[in-house]
Protein backbone atom coordinates (compact mmCIF):
# COMPACT_ATOMS: atom_id res chain seq x y z
CA MET A 1 110.80 99.64 143.37
CA ASN A 2 113.29 100.86 140.79
CA PRO A 3 112.28 104.34 139.50
CA TYR A 4 113.76 103.54 136.07
CA GLU A 5 111.70 100.42 135.59
CA PRO A 6 108.18 100.79 134.21
CA PRO A 7 105.38 99.50 136.41
CA LYS A 8 104.32 95.93 135.72
CA SER A 9 100.80 95.49 134.47
CA THR A 10 98.70 92.47 133.58
CA GLU A 11 96.43 94.47 131.27
CA SER A 12 96.74 94.00 127.53
CA LEU A 13 97.93 96.76 125.25
CA PRO A 14 95.37 99.30 124.06
CA SER A 15 93.64 98.39 120.81
CA PHE A 16 95.18 101.27 118.84
CA LEU A 17 98.63 99.72 119.37
CA ASN A 18 97.43 96.42 117.88
CA ALA A 19 95.84 98.10 114.85
CA GLU A 20 98.20 96.47 112.35
CA LEU A 21 97.70 92.91 113.66
CA MET A 22 95.14 91.18 111.47
CA GLN A 23 93.99 87.72 110.46
CA VAL A 24 95.22 86.86 106.94
CA THR A 25 95.27 83.81 104.68
CA CYS A 26 98.20 83.12 102.40
CA PRO A 27 97.06 82.91 98.75
CA HIS A 28 99.87 80.43 97.98
CA CYS A 29 99.45 77.72 100.64
CA ARG A 30 96.10 78.77 102.24
CA HIS A 31 97.71 78.93 105.69
CA SER A 32 95.77 81.26 108.02
CA PHE A 33 97.68 83.31 110.59
CA ARG A 34 97.67 86.61 112.47
CA GLY A 35 100.29 88.92 111.06
CA VAL A 36 101.58 92.44 111.26
CA ALA A 37 101.26 94.39 108.03
CA LYS A 38 104.19 96.26 106.55
CA LYS A 39 103.29 99.24 104.42
CA SER A 40 104.70 99.39 100.90
CA PHE A 41 105.70 102.58 99.08
CA LEU A 42 102.25 103.05 97.53
CA GLY A 43 100.35 102.07 100.70
CA PHE A 44 99.65 98.37 100.16
CA ARG A 45 99.71 95.97 103.10
CA LYS A 46 102.55 93.46 102.67
CA PHE A 47 102.74 90.15 104.55
CA THR A 48 105.11 87.19 104.58
CA CYS A 49 103.55 83.77 105.16
CA GLU A 50 104.69 81.99 108.30
CA SER A 51 104.38 78.61 106.61
CA CYS A 52 105.78 78.97 103.07
CA GLN A 53 107.72 82.26 103.60
CA LYS A 54 106.33 83.77 100.37
CA PRO A 55 105.43 87.47 100.37
CA PHE A 56 101.97 88.63 99.32
CA SER A 57 99.99 91.87 99.24
CA TYR A 58 96.59 92.95 100.47
CA PRO A 59 94.62 95.87 98.99
CA LEU A 60 95.27 99.49 99.85
CA TYR A 61 94.40 101.01 103.17
CA ARG A 62 91.06 102.78 102.90
CA GLY A 63 92.60 106.23 103.44
CA TYR A 64 95.10 105.70 100.62
CA ARG A 65 92.34 104.48 98.29
CA ILE A 66 90.17 107.54 98.93
CA THR A 67 93.14 109.91 98.61
CA TYR A 68 94.28 108.35 95.32
CA TRP A 69 90.80 108.57 93.80
CA ILE A 70 90.37 112.22 94.86
CA LEU A 71 93.81 113.18 93.51
CA LEU A 72 93.18 111.34 90.23
CA VAL A 73 89.87 113.17 89.74
CA VAL A 74 91.59 116.49 90.48
CA ALA A 75 94.40 115.63 88.03
CA PHE A 76 91.85 114.64 85.37
CA VAL A 77 89.92 117.90 85.79
CA ALA A 78 93.17 119.87 85.66
CA SER A 79 94.26 118.08 82.47
CA VAL A 80 90.89 118.78 80.82
CA ASN A 81 91.14 122.47 81.69
CA ALA A 82 94.80 122.78 80.57
CA PRO A 83 95.49 119.97 78.05
CA GLN A 84 98.95 121.21 76.98
CA GLY A 85 100.75 119.64 79.98
CA GLN A 86 101.99 116.08 80.35
CA PRO A 87 100.78 113.98 83.28
CA SER A 88 103.40 113.75 86.02
CA ILE A 89 105.03 110.63 87.38
CA PHE A 90 102.85 110.97 90.48
CA VAL A 91 99.68 110.70 88.43
CA GLY A 92 101.13 107.59 86.80
CA LEU A 93 101.99 106.04 90.17
CA MET A 94 98.54 106.83 91.58
CA SER A 95 96.92 105.29 88.49
CA LEU A 96 99.09 102.20 88.87
CA ALA A 97 98.17 101.92 92.57
CA VAL A 98 94.45 102.17 91.79
CA VAL A 99 94.69 99.49 89.08
CA ILE A 100 96.68 97.12 91.33
CA ASP A 101 94.23 97.77 94.18
CA PHE A 102 91.29 96.95 91.92
CA TYR A 103 93.02 93.72 90.87
CA LEU A 104 93.74 92.68 94.49
CA LEU A 105 90.15 93.43 95.52
CA TRP A 106 88.83 91.44 92.56
CA LYS A 107 91.17 88.52 93.32
CA ARG A 108 90.04 88.32 96.98
CA ARG A 109 86.38 87.73 96.01
């Protein structure tokens, strides 16, 4: 046995390594496949269809959704308490992400 070679195993990988693999359906051609999600800048799950090769997005990861809502509430409370400041670009991006997420959730129904 070569000490530099990992031991061979017939067991499958642990489930936490396959966490990104999920069953998705392309909204363009309705082809169903198992794909690995790529994370976008704002936290959306991005896929590329195996059949038509068109990219499409799925809603935010749950952790991102909760974080965005909490940060938006904190930013709203801060702006009510000190109204002289302008909202930052981060508040705008979080608001955009929440709106896009709401649209993607609504479209999937």
